[in-house]
Amino acid sequence: MIMNNDIEVLIIDDDQDVLESYQQLLEMSGYKVQAITDPTLATSLLHRNWPGVVVTDMYMPGLSGMELLEHIQGLDPDLPVIMITGHGDIPMAVDAVKRGALDFLQKPLQPKELLALLDKHLPVRKEKIDMRTAMNQSASEVLLGESPLIVKIREKITQIALTTKDVLVEGESGTGRHTVTKLLHQQSTLNKGPFVVTQGKSITCTADLQRAMISARSGTLSLNQPQEMPIETQQWLCRFLLEQERQNKKEVRVLAITGANPEALVEQETLLPELFYFLSQVRFQMPPLRQRVCDITPLFKYFLKQSCQKLHKSLPSIDKAYINTLNRHEWTGNVLELKNVAELYAIGIVKLTGQDRTKPLEHMSSPLDDLVDSYEKQVIEDALYLFAGRINDVSNYLQIPRKKLYLRMKKHSLDKAEYKARG
């Protein structure tokens, strides 16, 4: 059984007569209600982004209200729950509120009190779910893929983004670590503040980090490889984070980026255990591409389409054998490597085939020499467009020395200045 998102209130009480009276009251007041007597069914009717409010009795056979609250908290800590309790159970109801319940009402239930709580909190819940949906859509546009691992990452971003907690983002290069830090900042309450990116290796003394912190004040500091900072600077950062925690005032949010095994850095004594503790209270473990094989083909096609649109080219066909090659590849460079391979494919360079090659010509419409010259010009011109005239990049990706590249550009009357990005 799946909860309908149109349902605004789920009422749970093992007394059928009481349940029907609650339901009648709320439906007469215009609410869409679902009522059940068995509390063990509740979690199967709910999901994390259900936009309603749960109203439940405290004492029920099979599952108590407190136990049900714990299960609901596991689905979504922000899902609003109103507890209904007897007069003598106020201490337990107060404890329920401490554990995450929205509020409690005493029996006999006063209709005005219940309706007032629903009128107040239901719009807040719906607004929060709308915000989550928008945030998840935004994350889907830049953190691509539909594998369970990447979907879970996007869901976690929507959970954490609206907090100001410091975060550790770990994983191999090219897995999207920097994308996650940008999303966490953009979707946070600090998004009006600065987003400062710094490298641990560029922090040679504590004063360098202090300057970065001043620049990031009221915003976010993205700190790449904190273990590369001097130990005394790491110690200063620990004290800074501790002081923020004590004062319960977030001056700067720190999002740290490390490799896939930050615990090893602690063991190697390059990352202070205290700093690891502060940063790892919230962790994002970015999966390598080889663990999300189902995303490889759609990602490749997405990047290929992007490149072709940029180059004003039609989409080339892709052999099934080549798709199989993509899926078998190790992808040590992860999504970034896949993106580069797709961009090269768009300009006619096929990699990962054991030996890089260009795609075969389909028609011999001109003499071979003319075809070779024309194709060479096209490949160089496409690469110049793709890399905005950056000769080093073009040279590296076409695997040709700069001097030879310039000679061939001269041969085809190609000027790099014509391909540079214009503001």
Protein backbone atom coordinates (compact mmCIF):
# COMPACT_ATOMS: atom_id res chain seq x y z
CA MET A 1 0.00 0.00 0.00
CA ILE A 2 1.43 3.40 -0.99
CA MET A 3 0.48 6.71 0.56
CA ASN A 4 -1.16 9.12 -1.88
CA ASN A 5 0.60 12.50 -1.88
CA ASP A 6 -2.83 14.18 -1.92
CA ILE A 7 -3.50 12.87 1.61
CA GLU A 8 -2.77 15.68 4.06
CA VAL A 9 -3.32 13.92 7.40
CA LEU A 10 -2.68 10.33 8.46
CA ILE A 11 -4.54 9.48 11.69
CA ILE A 12 -3.66 6.39 13.72
CA ASP A 13 -5.71 5.12 16.67
CA ASP A 14 -6.67 1.56 17.63
CA ASP A 15 -10.13 2.71 18.80
CA GLN A 16 -12.33 2.62 15.69
CA ASP A 17 -15.01 4.94 17.14
CA VAL A 18 -12.46 7.57 18.17
CA LEU A 19 -10.72 7.25 14.80
CA GLU A 20 -13.95 7.83 12.90
CA SER A 21 -14.76 10.92 14.95
CA TYR A 22 -11.30 12.39 14.23
CA GLN A 23 -11.68 11.61 10.55
CA GLN A 24 -15.13 13.15 10.33
CA LEU A 25 -13.93 16.32 12.08
CA LEU A 26 -11.01 16.81 9.74
CA GLU A 27 -12.89 15.98 6.55
CA MET A 28 -15.63 18.47 7.51
CA SER A 29 -12.84 21.03 7.95
CA GLY A 30 -11.65 20.41 4.40
CA TYR A 31 -8.67 18.11 5.01
CA LYS A 32 -7.91 15.01 2.95
CA VAL A 33 -7.57 12.26 5.53
CA GLN A 34 -6.51 8.62 5.73
CA ALA A 35 -7.31 6.76 8.96
CA ILE A 36 -5.91 3.41 10.16
CA THR A 37 -6.24 1.37 13.35
CA ASP A 38 -3.05 -0.67 12.88
CA PRO A 39 0.11 1.38 13.64
CA THR A 40 2.35 -1.27 12.07
CA LEU A 41 0.98 -0.23 8.64
CA ALA A 42 1.94 3.42 9.04
CA THR A 43 5.49 3.35 7.71
CA SER A 44 4.38 1.46 4.60
CA LEU A 45 2.00 4.35 3.88
CA LEU A 46 4.65 7.05 4.32
CA HIS A 47 7.81 8.09 2.51
CA ARG A 48 10.47 10.71 3.06
CA ASN A 49 8.85 13.38 0.90
CA TRP A 50 5.25 12.80 1.96
CA PRO A 51 3.84 16.34 2.34
CA GLY A 52 1.46 15.73 5.25
CA VAL A 53 1.15 15.47 9.04
CA VAL A 54 0.80 12.31 11.15
CA VAL A 55 -1.58 12.33 14.13
CA THR A 56 -1.18 9.28 16.37
CA ASP A 57 -2.32 7.96 19.72
CA MET A 58 0.38 7.25 22.28
CA TYR A 59 -0.84 3.81 23.44
CA MET A 60 -1.66 1.18 20.82
CA PRO A 61 -1.18 -2.61 20.64
CA GLY A 62 1.53 -3.88 18.31
CA LEU A 63 3.43 -0.60 18.18
CA SER A 64 3.38 2.25 20.68
CA GLY A 65 3.29 5.88 19.65
CA MET A 66 6.90 6.32 20.79
CA GLU A 67 8.03 3.32 18.73
CA LEU A 68 6.10 4.59 15.73
CA LEU A 69 7.75 8.01 16.15
CA GLU A 70 11.16 6.34 16.02
CA HIS A 71 10.24 4.55 12.76
CA ILE A 72 8.93 7.76 11.21
CA GLN A 73 12.08 9.61 12.25
CA GLY A 74 14.02 6.97 10.33
CA LEU A 75 12.06 7.89 7.18
CA ASP A 76 12.45 11.64 7.66
CA PRO A 77 13.42 13.42 10.90
CA ASP A 78 11.42 16.45 9.71
CA LEU A 79 8.16 14.58 9.07
CA PRO A 80 5.68 16.22 11.51
CA VAL A 81 4.06 13.98 14.12
CA ILE A 82 1.40 15.10 16.62
CA MET A 83 1.00 12.79 19.63
CA ILE A 84 -2.36 12.32 21.39
CA THR A 85 -2.05 11.30 25.01
CA GLY A 86 -4.02 10.85 28.23
CA HIS A 87 -3.89 13.42 31.03
CA GLY A 88 -1.48 11.38 33.14
CA ASP A 89 1.00 10.83 30.31
CA ILE A 90 2.22 14.41 29.88
CA PRO A 91 5.86 13.58 30.88
CA MET A 92 5.95 10.89 28.19
CA ALA A 93 4.46 13.32 25.66
CA VAL A 94 7.07 15.93 26.53
CA ASP A 95 9.73 13.27 26.02
CA ALA A 96 8.23 12.51 22.60
CA VAL A 97 8.58 16.17 21.64
CA LYS A 98 12.22 16.07 22.74
CA ARG A 99 12.70 13.05 20.49
CA GLY A 100 11.28 14.82 17.47
CA ALA A 101 7.47 14.92 17.71
CA LEU A 102 5.97 18.19 16.50
CA ASP A 103 3.62 18.64 19.46
CA PHE A 104 1.16 16.76 21.67
CA LEU A 105 -2.52 17.09 22.56
CA GLN A 106 -4.34 15.69 25.58
CA LYS A 107 -7.53 13.67 25.62
CA PRO A 108 -10.33 14.53 25.40
CA LEU A 109 -9.20 16.14 22.19
CA GLN A 110 -10.16 19.78 21.62
CA PRO A 111 -10.97 20.13 17.90
CA LYS A 112 -9.85 23.78 17.75
CA GLU A 113 -6.42 22.89 19.10
CA LEU A 114 -5.90 20.10 16.55
CA LEU A 115 -7.12 22.24 13.65
CA ALA A 116 -4.90 25.13 14.76
CA LEU A 117 -1.82 22.86 14.75
CA LEU A 118 -2.66 21.50 11.30
CA ASP A 119 -3.37 24.97 9.90
CA LYS A 120 0.00 26.12 11.22
CA HIS A 121 2.26 23.20 10.30
CA LEU A 122 0.79 21.62 7.17
CA PRO A 123 1.70 24.59 4.91
CA VAL A 124 5.21 24.58 6.38
CA ARG A 125 5.59 20.88 5.59
CA LYS A 126 4.35 21.32 2.01
CA GLU A 127 6.69 24.27 1.48
CA LYS A 128 9.63 22.21 2.73
CA ILE A 129 8.79 19.33 0.36
CA ASP A 130 8.45 21.76 -2.57
CA MET A 131 11.86 23.15 -1.67
CA ARG A 132 13.35 19.65 -1.49
CA THR A 133 11.89 18.79 -4.88
CA ALA A 134 13.38 21.92 -6.43
CA MET A 135 16.75 21.26 -4.80
CA ASN A 136 16.78 17.66 -5.98
CA GLN A 137 15.94 18.78 -9.51
CA SER A 138 18.79 21.27 -9.39
CA ALA A 139 21.17 18.57 -8.16
CA SER A 140 19.98 16.18 -10.89
CA GLU A 141 20.99 18.70 -13.55
CA VAL A 142 24.64 18.79 -12.49
CA LEU A 143 25.17 15.57 -10.51
CA LEU A 144 24.07 13.24 -13.27
CA GLY A 145 23.00 9.60 -13.12
CA GLU A 146 20.17 7.41 -11.86
CA SER A 147 22.09 4.61 -10.15
CA PRO A 148 21.01 4.02 -6.53
CA LEU A 149 24.39 5.30 -5.26
CA ILE A 150 24.15 8.67 -6.98
CA VAL A 151 20.43 9.08 -6.21
CA LYS A 152 21.27 8.56 -2.53
CA ILE A 153 23.97 11.25 -2.76
CA ARG A 154 21.49 13.73 -4.23
CA GLU A 155 18.93 12.94 -1.52
CA LYS A 156 21.57 13.46 1.15
CA ILE A 157 22.48 16.83 -0.36
CA THR A 158 18.86 17.99 0.08
CA GLN A 159 18.97 16.81 3.70
CA ILE A 160 22.27 18.45 4.60
CA ALA A 161 22.28 21.56 2.41
CA LEU A 162 19.87 23.54 4.59
CA THR A 163 21.99 22.95 7.68
CA THR A 164 25.27 24.73 8.38
CA LYS A 165 27.13 21.58 9.39
CA ASP A 166 30.72 21.15 8.27
CA VAL A 167 31.12 18.32 5.76
CA LEU A 168 33.77 15.89 4.50
CA VAL A 169 33.45 14.94 0.83
CA GLU A 170 35.67 12.00 -0.02
CA GLY A 171 36.36 9.97 -3.12
CA GLU A 172 38.58 9.48 -6.14
CA SER A 173 39.42 12.32 -8.50
CA GLY A 174 36.72 12.98 -11.08
CA THR A 175 33.82 11.55 -9.06
CA GLY A 176 32.05 14.89 -8.54
CA ARG A 177 33.45 15.96 -5.17
CA HIS A 178 33.73 19.64 -6.16
CA THR A 179 30.23 19.53 -7.68
CA VAL A 180 28.86 18.37 -4.31
CA THR A 181 30.54 21.21 -2.41
CA LYS A 182 29.11 23.76 -4.86
CA LEU A 183 25.62 22.29 -4.51
CA LEU A 184 25.85 22.25 -0.71
CA HIS A 185 26.72 25.95 -0.77
CA GLN A 186 24.19 26.96 -3.44
CA GLN A 187 21.33 25.23 -1.61
CA SER A 188 22.30 26.36 1.88
CA THR A 189 21.15 29.29 4.00
CA LEU A 190 24.65 30.73 3.44
CA ASN A 191 24.25 30.91 -0.34
CA LYS A 192 24.15 34.71 -0.31
CA GLY A 193 27.64 34.67 1.21
CA PRO A 194 30.94 33.96 -0.56
CA PHE A 195 32.03 30.54 -1.79
CA VAL A 196 35.82 30.43 -1.41
CA VAL A 197 37.83 27.54 -2.88
CA THR A 198 41.32 26.90 -1.59
CA GLN A 199 43.91 24.12 -1.87
CA GLY A 200 45.56 22.64 1.20
CA LYS A 201 48.97 22.78 -0.48
CA SER A 202 48.59 26.53 -1.03
CA ILE A 203 48.12 27.04 2.72
CA THR A 204 51.76 27.27 3.84
CA CYS A 205 51.08 28.88 7.21
CA THR A 206 48.19 29.64 9.56
CA ALA A 207 47.99 33.22 8.31
CA ASP A 208 47.11 31.92 4.83
CA LEU A 209 44.14 29.98 6.22
CA GLN A 210 43.05 32.91 8.36
CA ARG A 211 42.95 35.12 5.27
CA ALA A 212 40.87 32.50 3.47
CA MET A 213 38.50 32.33 6.43
CA ILE A 214 38.06 36.10 6.41
CA SER A 215 37.26 35.97 2.68
CA ALA A 216 34.68 33.22 3.33
CA ARG A 217 33.01 34.94 6.29
CA SER A 218 29.22 34.46 6.32
CA GLY A 219 29.67 31.88 3.58
CA THR A 220 31.49 28.66 2.74
CA LEU A 221 35.12 27.58 2.51
CA SER A 222 35.77 24.63 0.18
CA LEU A 223 39.08 23.20 1.41
CA ASN A 224 40.71 20.67 -0.92
CA GLN A 225 43.11 18.19 0.72
CA PRO A 226 43.32 19.67 4.26
CA GLN A 227 46.03 17.13 5.17
CA GLU A 228 48.44 19.13 2.97
CA MET A 229 48.29 22.06 5.39
CA PRO A 230 50.97 22.34 8.12
CA ILE A 231 50.06 20.55 11.35
CA GLU A 232 49.97 23.80 13.33
CA THR A 233 47.50 25.20 10.81
CA GLN A 234 45.32 22.11 11.19
CA GLN A 235 45.45 22.65 14.95
CA TRP A 236 44.31 26.26 14.50
CA LEU A 237 41.41 25.11 12.31
CA CYS A 238 40.39 22.62 15.02
CA ARG A 239 40.25 25.41 17.58
CA PHE A 240 38.28 27.60 15.17
CA LEU A 241 35.69 24.86 14.53
CA LEU A 242 35.45 24.05 18.24
CA GLU A 243 34.83 27.69 19.09
CA GLN A 244 32.07 27.92 16.47
CA GLU A 245 30.49 24.81 17.96
CA ARG A 246 30.67 26.17 21.51
CA GLN A 247 29.15 29.51 20.55
CA ASN A 248 26.57 27.81 18.29
CA LYS A 249 27.37 30.48 15.71
CA LYS A 250 28.52 29.57 12.21
CA GLU A 251 30.89 32.22 10.94
CA VAL A 252 32.29 30.03 8.15
CA ARG A 253 31.05 26.65 6.95
CA VAL A 254 33.91 24.33 6.02
CA LEU A 255 33.45 21.73 3.25
CA ALA A 256 36.59 19.60 3.05
CA ILE A 257 37.58 17.37 0.13
CA THR A 258 39.88 14.35 0.46
CA GLY A 259 40.69 11.13 -1.35
CA ALA A 260 38.74 7.92 -0.95
CA ASN A 261 40.35 6.87 2.34
CA PRO A 262 40.75 9.79 4.78
CA GLU A 263 41.25 7.36 7.69
CA ALA A 264 44.55 6.36 6.07
CA LEU A 265 45.64 10.00 6.24
CA VAL A 266 45.03 9.94 9.99
CA GLU A 267 47.06 6.71 10.30
CA GLN A 268 49.87 8.30 8.27
CA GLU A 269 49.74 11.28 10.67
CA THR A 270 49.25 13.81 7.88
CA LEU A 271 45.67 14.60 8.95
CA LEU A 272 45.07 15.42 12.60
CA PRO A 273 42.59 13.01 14.25
CA GLU A 274 40.80 15.99 15.86
CA LEU A 275 40.36 17.71 12.51
CA PHE A 276 39.10 14.49 10.93
CA TYR A 277 36.58 14.23 13.77
CA PHE A 278 35.25 17.76 13.26
CA LEU A 279 35.03 17.42 9.48
CA SER A 280 33.61 13.88 9.35
CA GLN A 281 30.46 14.41 11.40
CA VAL A 282 28.74 14.55 7.99
CA ARG A 283 30.40 12.50 5.23
CA PHE A 284 29.73 12.17 1.52
CA GLN A 285 31.46 9.13 0.03
CA MET A 286 31.46 9.65 -3.73
CA PRO A 287 31.24 6.37 -5.66
CA PRO A 288 33.72 5.73 -8.48
CA LEU A 289 32.19 5.37 -11.94
CA ARG A 290 33.02 1.64 -12.07
CA GLN A 291 30.54 1.15 -9.21
CA ARG A 292 27.74 2.84 -11.18
CA VAL A 293 28.02 0.98 -14.49
CA CYS A 294 24.36 1.62 -15.33
CA ASP A 295 25.16 5.35 -15.52
CA ILE A 296 28.04 5.02 -18.02
CA THR A 297 26.01 4.82 -21.26
CA PRO A 298 23.50 7.60 -20.46
CA LEU A 299 26.33 9.84 -19.19
CA PHE A 300 28.37 9.24 -22.34
CA LYS A 301 25.37 10.06 -24.55
CA TYR A 302 24.62 13.19 -22.50
CA PHE A 303 28.19 14.50 -22.78
CA LEU A 304 28.32 13.57 -26.47
CA LYS A 305 25.09 15.48 -27.14
CA GLN A 306 26.44 18.49 -25.23
CA SER A 307 29.66 18.51 -27.29
CA CYS A 308 27.84 18.12 -30.60
CA GLN A 309 25.51 20.99 -29.77
CA LYS A 310 28.48 23.16 -28.86
CA LEU A 311 30.21 22.29 -32.14
CA HIS A 312 27.00 22.55 -34.20
CA LYS A 313 27.47 18.94 -35.33
CA SER A 314 24.93 16.18 -35.79
CA LEU A 315 25.03 13.30 -33.33
CA PRO A 316 27.25 10.46 -34.60
CA SER A 317 26.08 6.86 -34.42
CA ILE A 318 27.52 4.67 -31.65
CA ASP A 319 28.20 1.00 -32.26
CA LYS A 320 26.85 -1.43 -29.67
CA ALA A 321 30.36 -2.92 -29.44
CA TYR A 322 31.70 0.48 -28.44
CA ILE A 323 29.03 0.84 -25.74
CA ASN A 324 30.19 -2.52 -24.39
CA THR A 325 33.76 -1.21 -24.41
CA LEU A 326 32.68 1.83 -22.41
CA ASN A 327 30.92 -0.34 -19.84
CA ARG A 328 33.94 -2.62 -19.42
CA HIS A 329 36.47 0.20 -19.03
CA GLU A 330 37.94 0.81 -15.55
CA TRP A 331 37.47 4.61 -15.67
CA THR A 332 40.29 5.52 -13.33
CA GLY A 333 39.52 9.16 -14.11
CA ASN A 334 35.83 8.57 -13.37
CA VAL A 335 33.15 10.93 -14.76
CA LEU A 336 35.73 13.50 -15.85
CA GLU A 337 37.50 10.89 -17.99
CA LEU A 338 34.17 9.79 -19.51
CA LYS A 339 33.34 13.39 -20.35
CA ASN A 340 36.70 13.83 -22.12
CA VAL A 341 36.18 10.61 -24.11
CA ALA A 342 32.71 11.79 -25.19
CA GLU A 343 34.08 15.18 -26.26
CA LEU A 344 36.75 13.48 -28.38
CA TYR A 345 34.17 11.14 -29.91
CA ALA A 346 32.21 14.21 -31.00
CA ILE A 347 35.16 15.39 -33.09
CA GLY A 348 35.84 11.96 -34.56
CA ILE A 349 38.44 10.55 -32.18
CA VAL A 350 37.51 7.14 -30.80
CA LYS A 351 39.38 6.15 -27.64
CA LEU A 352 39.33 2.97 -25.50
CA THR A 353 39.52 0.73 -28.56
CA GLY A 354 42.94 -0.72 -27.72
CA GLN A 355 44.38 1.74 -30.20
CA ASP A 356 42.97 5.25 -30.57
CA ARG A 357 41.54 5.80 -34.01
CA THR A 358 39.29 8.14 -35.94
CA LYS A 359 35.91 6.99 -37.14
CA PRO A 360 35.95 5.59 -40.72
CA LEU A 361 34.70 7.72 -43.59
CA GLU A 362 31.47 6.39 -45.06
CA HIS A 363 31.64 7.84 -48.56
CA MET A 364 34.49 8.39 -51.02
CA SER A 365 33.04 11.51 -52.60
CA SER A 366 36.44 13.07 -53.44
CA PRO A 367 40.01 11.92 -54.13
CA LEU A 368 41.72 10.45 -51.08
CA ASP A 369 44.22 13.31 -50.64
CA ASP A 370 41.44 15.89 -50.67
CA LEU A 371 39.43 13.85 -48.20
CA VAL A 372 42.42 13.49 -45.87
CA ASP A 373 43.11 17.25 -45.98
CA SER A 374 39.46 18.12 -45.47
CA TYR A 375 39.09 15.70 -42.59
CA GLU A 376 42.31 16.87 -40.95
CA LYS A 377 41.09 20.48 -41.13
CA GLN A 378 37.72 19.50 -39.68
CA VAL A 379 39.26 17.58 -36.76
CA ILE A 380 41.64 20.43 -35.89
CA GLU A 381 38.91 23.03 -36.26
CA ASP A 382 36.52 21.03 -34.06
CA ALA A 383 39.20 20.68 -31.40
CA LEU A 384 39.90 24.42 -31.52
CA TYR A 385 36.19 25.09 -31.00
CA LEU A 386 36.00 22.53 -28.23
CA PHE A 387 38.94 23.97 -26.30
CA ALA A 388 38.28 27.63 -27.17
CA GLY A 389 41.58 27.99 -29.04
CA ARG A 390 43.75 26.76 -26.13
CA ILE A 391 46.66 25.29 -28.08
CA ASN A 392 48.08 23.25 -25.20
CA ASP A 393 44.74 21.48 -24.73
CA VAL A 394 44.27 20.93 -28.45
CA SER A 395 47.81 19.59 -28.76
CA ASN A 396 47.37 17.19 -25.84
CA TYR A 397 44.02 15.81 -26.94
CA LEU A 398 45.01 15.42 -30.59
CA GLN A 399 48.33 13.93 -29.42
CA ILE A 400 50.40 16.11 -31.71
CA PRO A 401 53.36 18.39 -30.84
CA ARG A 402 52.54 22.09 -30.66
CA LYS A 403 54.98 22.93 -33.46
CA LYS A 404 53.43 20.36 -35.81
CA LEU A 405 49.93 21.54 -34.84
CA TYR A 406 50.81 25.14 -35.72
CA LEU A 407 52.19 24.02 -39.10
CA ARG A 408 48.98 22.16 -39.92
CA MET A 409 46.88 25.09 -38.75
CA LYS A 410 48.88 27.36 -41.06
CA LYS A 411 48.35 24.86 -43.89
CA HIS A 412 44.57 25.09 -43.42
CA SER A 413 44.54 28.87 -42.68
CA LEU A 414 43.29 28.33 -39.11
CA ASP A 415 43.87 31.08 -36.53
CA LYS A 416 43.45 30.16 -32.84
CA ALA A 417 42.22 33.69 -32.06
CA GLU A 418 39.04 33.02 -34.00
CA TYR A 419 38.09 30.20 -31.61
CA LYS A 420 38.71 31.86 -28.26
CA ALA A 421 35.70 32.32 -25.99
CA ARG A 422 34.18 35.75 -26.19
CA GLY A 423 32.62 37.39 -23.16
